[in-house]
């Protein structure tokens, strides 16, 4: 069963993602922040929307949900936690749940921190995870509703996935994330090389998303809190991983 993806931009820096199975003709959209942009992506691909997976309730992920659900009669899978958007969810999901999409198992990973209702969708058969605003290319989400310990525990769940996992996140923040990463991990040669590569991508108008978990482990400071060089740079050689993460997140907030 061939599985295809189509990523499309909307708003200032958001990405939507269509997942399509050519055999079943089922198509899911990850989040629904912009109905018009989603419709344009569907028109471009010729796919028919059947499902919508919601990562969290923020408006740039749900503003088009009512329109898209009504227009396509799509089944909406969303967080079990109530929010302004949750009345539109058909199936409510929490950590450890799973469901079938186009013959593939989709595992639900709750990753609270950015919001309390944040879900990530992992499809092991396709080596891919949709991380919403939890994990970005060389970054992580700002903490609005949770706390740093909660966010670190969420990232630890993603760190446990296989290295070859392809990560689709919801924002193009990579240029700024790379600049910050260099500030806390200045002697990382892999990071320096990657900063050059993503600058070339963006200068060519190309996305830096998706990424891969092994790349993030090598260059994303939020996943490298046990790294000796980063800890020495922060003066936190003996601190817990959670404490180092909290310090890096605080520095990013003020960067």
Foldseek 3Di string as FASTA:
>chain_A
DDKDKDWDDDDPWWIKMWIADPVVLEIEIEFALDVVRVVVSCVVVVGAYAEYEYFDDDNSRHVRPVVNCVVRVHAYEFAPDDDPRCVSHPHHDDAQDWDDDPNFIWHWHQQAFLHNRGIKTDTVVVLEIEREQADDQLEHHAGDHHALLSSLVSVVVVLPRDQFRKYFYTGQPHLLSLVLLCVLQVVQPLSVVVNVVVVVCVVVVHGPPTDTNNSCCSGRVLNPLQPQSSCVSVVNPPPDSSVSNNVSSVVSVVD
